[in-house]
All heavy atoms as atom14 arrays in JSON, in Angstrom:
{
  "sequence": "VQKFQAIDPVETFPQLFGTVVGTLVGYQANIML",
  "atom14_mask": [
    [1, 1, 1, 1, 1, 1, 1, 0, 0, 0, 0, 0, 0, 0],
    [1, 1, 1, 1, 1, 1, 1, 1, 1, 0, 0, 0, 0, 0],
    [1, 1, 1, 1, 1, 1, 1, 1, 1, 0, 0, 0, 0, 0],
    [1, 1, 1, 1, 1, 1, 1, 1, 1, 1, 1, 0, 0, 0],
    [1, 1, 1, 1, 1, 1, 1, 1, 1, 0, 0, 0, 0, 0],
    [1, 1, 1, 1, 1, 0, 0, 0, 0, 0, 0, 0, 0, 0],
    [1, 1, 1, 1, 1, 1, 1, 1, 0, 0, 0, 0, 0, 0],
    [1, 1, 1, 1, 1, 1, 1, 1, 0, 0, 0, 0, 0, 0],
    [1, 1, 1, 1, 1, 1, 1, 0, 0, 0, 0, 0, 0, 0],
    [1, 1, 1, 1, 1, 1, 1, 0, 0, 0, 0, 0, 0, 0],
    [1, 1, 1, 1, 1, 1, 1, 1, 1, 0, 0, 0, 0, 0],
    [1, 1, 1, 1, 1, 1, 1, 0, 0, 0, 0, 0, 0, 0],
    [1, 1, 1, 1, 1, 1, 1, 1, 1, 1, 1, 0, 0, 0],
    [1, 1, 1, 1, 1, 1, 1, 0, 0, 0, 0, 0, 0, 0],
    [1, 1, 1, 1, 1, 1, 1, 1, 1, 0, 0, 0, 0, 0],
    [1, 1, 1, 1, 1, 1, 1, 1, 0, 0, 0, 0, 0, 0],
    [1, 1, 1, 1, 1, 1, 1, 1, 1, 1, 1, 0, 0, 0],
    [1, 1, 1, 1, 0, 0, 0, 0, 0, 0, 0, 0, 0, 0],
    [1, 1, 1, 1, 1, 1, 1, 0, 0, 0, 0, 0, 0, 0],
    [1, 1, 1, 1, 1, 1, 1, 0, 0, 0, 0, 0, 0, 0],
    [1, 1, 1, 1, 1, 1, 1, 0, 0, 0, 0, 0, 0, 0],
    [1, 1, 1, 1, 0, 0, 0, 0, 0, 0, 0, 0, 0, 0],
    [1, 1, 1, 1, 1, 1, 1, 0, 0, 0, 0, 0, 0, 0],
    [1, 1, 1, 1, 1, 1, 1, 1, 0, 0, 0, 0, 0, 0],
    [1, 1, 1, 1, 1, 1, 1, 0, 0, 0, 0, 0, 0, 0],
    [1, 1, 1, 1, 0, 0, 0, 0, 0, 0, 0, 0, 0, 0],
    [1, 1, 1, 1, 1, 1, 1, 1, 1, 1, 1, 1, 0, 0],
    [1, 1, 1, 1, 1, 1, 1, 1, 1, 0, 0, 0, 0, 0],
    [1, 1, 1, 1, 1, 0, 0, 0, 0, 0, 0, 0, 0, 0],
    [1, 1, 1, 1, 1, 1, 1, 1, 0, 0, 0, 0, 0, 0],
    [1, 1, 1, 1, 1, 1, 1, 1, 0, 0, 0, 0, 0, 0],
    [1, 1, 1, 1, 1, 1, 1, 1, 0, 0, 0, 0, 0, 0],
    [1, 1, 1, 1, 1, 1, 1, 1, 0, 0, 0, 0, 0, 0]
  ],
  "atom14_positions": [
    [[-19.62, -24.08, 11.06], [-19.14, -22.81, 11.61], [-18.82, -21.78, 10.56], [-18.67, -20.62, 10.88], [-17.86, -22.99, 12.44], [-18.03, -22.55, 13.84], [-17.25, -24.32, 12.31], [0.0, 0.0, 0.0], [0.0, 0.0, 0.0], [0.0, 0.0, 0.0], [0.0, 0.0, 0.0], [0.0, 0.0, 0.0], [0.0, 0.0, 0.0], [0.0, 0.0, 0.0]],
    [[-18.67, -22.22, 9.32], [-18.33, -21.26, 8.27], [-19.48, -20.27, 8.08], [-20.6, -20.65, 7.8], [-18.04, -21.98, 6.95], [-16.94, -23.02, 7.03], [-15.64, -22.43, 7.49], [-15.24, -21.36, 7.04], [-14.96, -23.1, 8.41], [0.0, 0.0, 0.0], [0.0, 0.0, 0.0], [0.0, 0.0, 0.0], [0.0, 0.0, 0.0], [0.0, 0.0, 0.0]],
    [[-19.2, -18.99, 8.24], [-20.21, -17.94, 8.07], [-19.94, -17.22, 6.75], [-18.81, -16.84, 6.46], [-20.13, -16.94, 9.23], [-20.43, -17.57, 10.58], [-21.9, -17.92, 10.71], [-22.26, -18.28, 12.13], [-21.66, -19.53, 12.59], [0.0, 0.0, 0.0], [0.0, 0.0, 0.0], [0.0, 0.0, 0.0], [0.0, 0.0, 0.0], [0.0, 0.0, 0.0]],
    [[-21.0, -17.05, 5.96], [-20.8, -16.38, 4.67], [-20.7, -14.87, 4.84], [-21.54, -14.24, 5.45], [-21.96, -16.7, 3.72], [-21.86, -15.92, 2.44], [-20.85, -16.19, 1.54], [-22.76, -14.91, 2.14], [-20.74, -15.47, 0.36], [-22.65, -14.2, 0.96], [-21.65, -14.48, 0.08], [0.0, 0.0, 0.0], [0.0, 0.0, 0.0], [0.0, 0.0, 0.0]],
    [[-19.64, -14.32, 4.31], [-19.47, -12.87, 4.27], [-18.72, -12.55, 2.98], [-17.54, -12.88, 2.84], [-18.67, -12.38, 5.49], [-18.52, -10.87, 5.5], [-17.76, -10.39, 6.73], [-17.35, -11.19, 7.56], [-17.58, -9.1, 6.84], [0.0, 0.0, 0.0], [0.0, 0.0, 0.0], [0.0, 0.0, 0.0], [0.0, 0.0, 0.0], [0.0, 0.0, 0.0]],
    [[-19.43, -11.98, 2.04], [-18.83, -11.7, 0.73], [-17.62, -10.79, 0.9], [-17.64, -9.83, 1.67], [-19.85, -11.03, -0.19], [0.0, 0.0, 0.0], [0.0, 0.0, 0.0], [0.0, 0.0, 0.0], [0.0, 0.0, 0.0], [0.0, 0.0, 0.0], [0.0, 0.0, 0.0], [0.0, 0.0, 0.0], [0.0, 0.0, 0.0], [0.0, 0.0, 0.0]],
    [[-16.53, -11.11, 0.19], [-15.32, -10.31, 0.32], [-15.25, -9.28, -0.8], [-15.74, -9.5, -1.91], [-14.06, -11.2, 0.28], [-13.97, -11.99, -1.04], [-14.02, -12.13, 1.47], [-12.67, -12.72, -1.21], [0.0, 0.0, 0.0], [0.0, 0.0, 0.0], [0.0, 0.0, 0.0], [0.0, 0.0, 0.0], [0.0, 0.0, 0.0], [0.0, 0.0, 0.0]],
    [[-14.65, -8.17, -0.48], [-14.37, -7.13, -1.46], [-12.91, -7.31, -1.86], [-12.01, -7.04, -1.06], [-14.59, -5.75, -0.84], [-14.32, -4.63, -1.83], [-13.62, -4.87, -2.83], [-14.8, -3.51, -1.59], [0.0, 0.0, 0.0], [0.0, 0.0, 0.0], [0.0, 0.0, 0.0], [0.0, 0.0, 0.0], [0.0, 0.0, 0.0], [0.0, 0.0, 0.0]],
    [[-12.64, -7.79, -3.1], [-11.25, -8.07, -3.5], [-10.33, -6.86, -3.34], [-9.2, -7.0, -2.88], [-11.38, -8.48, -4.97], [-12.77, -9.0, -5.09], [-13.6, -8.16, -4.16], [0.0, 0.0, 0.0], [0.0, 0.0, 0.0], [0.0, 0.0, 0.0], [0.0, 0.0, 0.0], [0.0, 0.0, 0.0], [0.0, 0.0, 0.0], [0.0, 0.0, 0.0]],
    [[-10.81, -5.67, -3.7], [-9.95, -4.48, -3.64], [-9.63, -4.12, -2.19], [-8.52, -3.72, -1.87], [-10.62, -3.29, -4.36], [-9.74, -2.06, -4.3], [-10.92, -3.64, -5.82], [0.0, 0.0, 0.0], [0.0, 0.0, 0.0], [0.0, 0.0, 0.0], [0.0, 0.0, 0.0], [0.0, 0.0, 0.0], [0.0, 0.0, 0.0], [0.0, 0.0, 0.0]],
    [[-10.61, -4.28, -1.32], [-10.39, -3.95, 0.09], [-9.53, -5.01, 0.79], [-8.67, -4.69, 1.6], [-11.74, -3.84, 0.8], [-11.64, -3.44, 2.27], [-13.02, -3.31, 2.91], [-13.92, -2.73, 2.27], [-13.18, -3.8, 4.03], [0.0, 0.0, 0.0], [0.0, 0.0, 0.0], [0.0, 0.0, 0.0], [0.0, 0.0, 0.0], [0.0, 0.0, 0.0]],
    [[-9.76, -6.28, 0.44], [-9.05, -7.37, 1.1], [-7.62, -7.52, 0.59], [-6.7, -7.79, 1.36], [-9.81, -8.7, 0.89], [-11.19, -8.52, 1.21], [-9.24, -9.8, 1.77], [0.0, 0.0, 0.0], [0.0, 0.0, 0.0], [0.0, 0.0, 0.0], [0.0, 0.0, 0.0], [0.0, 0.0, 0.0], [0.0, 0.0, 0.0], [0.0, 0.0, 0.0]],
    [[-7.43, -7.35, -0.72], [-6.1, -7.51, -1.32], [-5.79, -6.3, -2.21], [-5.74, -6.42, -3.44], [-6.03, -8.79, -2.15], [-6.17, -10.05, -1.35], [-7.38, -10.73, -1.33], [-5.12, -10.56, -0.61], [-7.54, -11.89, -0.6], [-5.26, -11.73, 0.12], [-6.47, -12.4, 0.14], [0.0, 0.0, 0.0], [0.0, 0.0, 0.0], [0.0, 0.0, 0.0]],
    [[-5.58, -5.12, -1.62], [-5.33, -3.93, -2.44], [-4.07, -4.04, -3.3], [-3.97, -3.41, -4.35], [-5.18, -2.81, -1.39], [-4.82, -3.5, -0.11], [-5.52, -4.83, -0.17], [0.0, 0.0, 0.0], [0.0, 0.0, 0.0], [0.0, 0.0, 0.0], [0.0, 0.0, 0.0], [0.0, 0.0, 0.0], [0.0, 0.0, 0.0], [0.0, 0.0, 0.0]],
    [[-3.11, -4.89, -2.87], [-1.87, -5.03, -3.62], [-2.09, -5.67, -4.99], [-1.24, -5.58, -5.88], [-0.86, -5.9, -2.84], [-0.64, -5.48, -1.41], [-1.54, -6.22, -0.44], [-2.73, -6.35, -0.69], [-0.99, -6.72, 0.65], [0.0, 0.0, 0.0], [0.0, 0.0, 0.0], [0.0, 0.0, 0.0], [0.0, 0.0, 0.0], [0.0, 0.0, 0.0]],
    [[-3.25, -6.32, -5.18], [-3.54, -6.98, -6.45], [-3.91, -6.0, -7.55], [-4.01, -6.39, -8.71], [-4.7, -7.97, -6.28], [-4.37, -9.31, -5.62], [-5.63, -10.07, -5.3], [-3.46, -10.14, -6.51], [0.0, 0.0, 0.0], [0.0, 0.0, 0.0], [0.0, 0.0, 0.0], [0.0, 0.0, 0.0], [0.0, 0.0, 0.0], [0.0, 0.0, 0.0]],
    [[-4.14, -4.75, -7.17], [-4.62, -3.78, -8.14], [-3.69, -2.58, -8.19], [-3.04, -2.24, -7.21], [-6.05, -3.35, -7.78], [-7.0, -4.5, -7.64], [-7.19, -5.12, -6.43], [-7.66, -5.0, -8.75], [-8.04, -6.21, -6.3], [-8.51, -6.09, -8.64], [-8.7, -6.69, -7.41], [0.0, 0.0, 0.0], [0.0, 0.0, 0.0], [0.0, 0.0, 0.0]],
    [[-3.64, -1.92, -9.33], [-2.78, -0.75, -9.47], [-2.41, -0.57, -10.93], [-2.73, -1.39, -11.79], [0.0, 0.0, 0.0], [0.0, 0.0, 0.0], [0.0, 0.0, 0.0], [0.0, 0.0, 0.0], [0.0, 0.0, 0.0], [0.0, 0.0, 0.0], [0.0, 0.0, 0.0], [0.0, 0.0, 0.0], [0.0, 0.0, 0.0], [0.0, 0.0, 0.0]],
    [[-1.7, 0.51, -11.19], [-1.35, 0.84, -12.57], [-0.07, 0.15, -13.02], [0.16, -0.03, -14.22], [-1.17, 2.36, -12.71], [-0.2, 2.81, -11.76], [-2.49, 3.07, -12.44], [0.0, 0.0, 0.0], [0.0, 0.0, 0.0], [0.0, 0.0, 0.0], [0.0, 0.0, 0.0], [0.0, 0.0, 0.0], [0.0, 0.0, 0.0], [0.0, 0.0, 0.0]],
    [[0.79, -0.25, -12.07], [2.06, -0.86, -12.44], [1.87, -2.35, -12.68], [1.1, -3.01, -11.98], [3.11, -0.64, -11.32], [4.44, -1.3, -11.68], [3.3, 0.85, -11.08], [0.0, 0.0, 0.0], [0.0, 0.0, 0.0], [0.0, 0.0, 0.0], [0.0, 0.0, 0.0], [0.0, 0.0, 0.0], [0.0, 0.0, 0.0], [0.0, 0.0, 0.0]],
    [[2.56, -2.88, -13.68], [2.45, -4.3, -14.02], [3.02, -5.13, -12.88], [3.98, -4.75, -12.21], [3.19, -4.58, -15.34], [4.69, -4.39, -15.21], [2.88, -5.98, -15.84], [0.0, 0.0, 0.0], [0.0, 0.0, 0.0], [0.0, 0.0, 0.0], [0.0, 0.0, 0.0], [0.0, 0.0, 0.0], [0.0, 0.0, 0.0], [0.0, 0.0, 0.0]],
    [[2.42, -6.32, -12.65], [2.9, -7.21, -11.6], [4.15, -7.96, -12.04], [4.57, -7.91, -13.2], [0.0, 0.0, 0.0], [0.0, 0.0, 0.0], [0.0, 0.0, 0.0], [0.0, 0.0, 0.0], [0.0, 0.0, 0.0], [0.0, 0.0, 0.0], [0.0, 0.0, 0.0], [0.0, 0.0, 0.0], [0.0, 0.0, 0.0], [0.0, 0.0, 0.0]],
    [[4.76, -8.66, -11.07], [5.93, -9.48, -11.36], [5.74, -10.84, -10.73], [5.73, -10.97, -9.5], [7.22, -8.83, -10.81], [7.4, -7.54, -11.41], [8.44, -9.69, -11.14], [0.0, 0.0, 0.0], [0.0, 0.0, 0.0], [0.0, 0.0, 0.0], [0.0, 0.0, 0.0], [0.0, 0.0, 0.0], [0.0, 0.0, 0.0], [0.0, 0.0, 0.0]],
    [[5.57, -11.86, -11.54], [5.36, -13.22, -11.07], [6.61, -13.72, -10.36], [7.7, -13.75, -10.94], [5.0, -14.12, -12.25], [4.7, -15.58, -11.96], [3.53, -15.72, -11.0], [4.41, -16.33, -13.26], [0.0, 0.0, 0.0], [0.0, 0.0, 0.0], [0.0, 0.0, 0.0], [0.0, 0.0, 0.0], [0.0, 0.0, 0.0], [0.0, 0.0, 0.0]],
    [[6.45, -14.12, -9.1], [7.58, -14.52, -8.27], [8.02, -15.94, -8.6], [7.2, -16.84, -8.71], [7.2, -14.43, -6.77], [8.35, -14.94, -5.89], [6.82, -13.01, -6.4], [0.0, 0.0, 0.0], [0.0, 0.0, 0.0], [0.0, 0.0, 0.0], [0.0, 0.0, 0.0], [0.0, 0.0, 0.0], [0.0, 0.0, 0.0], [0.0, 0.0, 0.0]],
    [[9.32, -16.13, -8.77], [9.86, -17.47, -8.91], [9.87, -18.06, -10.3], [10.21, -19.23, -10.47], [0.0, 0.0, 0.0], [0.0, 0.0, 0.0], [0.0, 0.0, 0.0], [0.0, 0.0, 0.0], [0.0, 0.0, 0.0], [0.0, 0.0, 0.0], [0.0, 0.0, 0.0], [0.0, 0.0, 0.0], [0.0, 0.0, 0.0], [0.0, 0.0, 0.0]],
    [[9.5, -17.28, -11.32], [9.45, -17.8, -12.69], [10.12, -16.84, -13.66], [10.01, -15.62, -13.5], [8.01, -18.02, -13.15], [7.25, -19.06, -12.34], [6.52, -18.69, -11.22], [7.27, -20.4, -12.71], [5.83, -19.64, -10.48], [6.59, -21.36, -11.98], [5.86, -20.97, -10.86], [5.18, -21.9, -10.13], [0.0, 0.0, 0.0], [0.0, 0.0, 0.0]],
    [[10.81, -17.4, -14.64], [11.36, -16.62, -15.75], [11.1, -17.38, -17.05], [11.22, -18.6, -17.09], [12.87, -16.39, -15.58], [13.23, -15.35, -14.53], [14.7, -14.98, -14.57], [15.53, -15.71, -15.11], [15.03, -13.83, -14.02], [0.0, 0.0, 0.0], [0.0, 0.0, 0.0], [0.0, 0.0, 0.0], [0.0, 0.0, 0.0], [0.0, 0.0, 0.0]],
    [[10.75, -16.62, -18.08], [10.53, -17.24, -19.39], [11.88, -17.49, -20.06], [12.72, -16.59, -20.14], [9.66, -16.33, -20.26], [0.0, 0.0, 0.0], [0.0, 0.0, 0.0], [0.0, 0.0, 0.0], [0.0, 0.0, 0.0], [0.0, 0.0, 0.0], [0.0, 0.0, 0.0], [0.0, 0.0, 0.0], [0.0, 0.0, 0.0], [0.0, 0.0, 0.0]],
    [[12.06, -18.69, -20.53], [13.29, -19.06, -21.22], [12.94, -19.45, -22.65], [12.21, -20.41, -22.88], [13.96, -20.22, -20.48], [15.36, -20.51, -21.01], [15.91, -19.74, -21.79], [15.91, -21.63, -20.62], [0.0, 0.0, 0.0], [0.0, 0.0, 0.0], [0.0, 0.0, 0.0], [0.0, 0.0, 0.0], [0.0, 0.0, 0.0], [0.0, 0.0, 0.0]],
    [[13.43, -18.68, -23.61], [13.14, -18.93, -25.03], [14.24, -19.82, -25.6], [15.4, -19.41, -25.69], [13.06, -17.61, -25.83], [12.18, -16.58, -25.12], [12.57, -17.88, -27.25], [10.77, -17.01, -24.91], [0.0, 0.0, 0.0], [0.0, 0.0, 0.0], [0.0, 0.0, 0.0], [0.0, 0.0, 0.0], [0.0, 0.0, 0.0], [0.0, 0.0, 0.0]],
    [[13.86, -21.04, -25.97], [14.83, -22.0, -26.51], [14.7, -22.07, -28.03], [13.59, -22.26, -28.55], [14.58, -23.39, -25.91], [14.63, -23.43, -24.38], [16.27, -23.07, -23.73], [17.17, -24.5, -24.3], [0.0, 0.0, 0.0], [0.0, 0.0, 0.0], [0.0, 0.0, 0.0], [0.0, 0.0, 0.0], [0.0, 0.0, 0.0], [0.0, 0.0, 0.0]],
    [[15.82, -21.89, -28.74], [15.82, -21.95, -30.2], [16.46, -23.24, -30.69], [17.33, -23.81, -30.03], [16.57, -20.75, -30.79], [16.04, -19.35, -30.44], [16.8, -18.3, -31.25], [14.54, -19.24, -30.69], [0.0, 0.0, 0.0], [0.0, 0.0, 0.0], [0.0, 0.0, 0.0], [0.0, 0.0, 0.0], [0.0, 0.0, 0.0], [0.0, 0.0, 0.0]]
  ]
}
């Protein structure tokens, strides 16, 4: 039943693109010395 239809990333997920930097949810970098 799977029908092939190529996706347009920008049209399907417009939030993935833009001029502002993204913010990874749920993670923080911890620098241990």
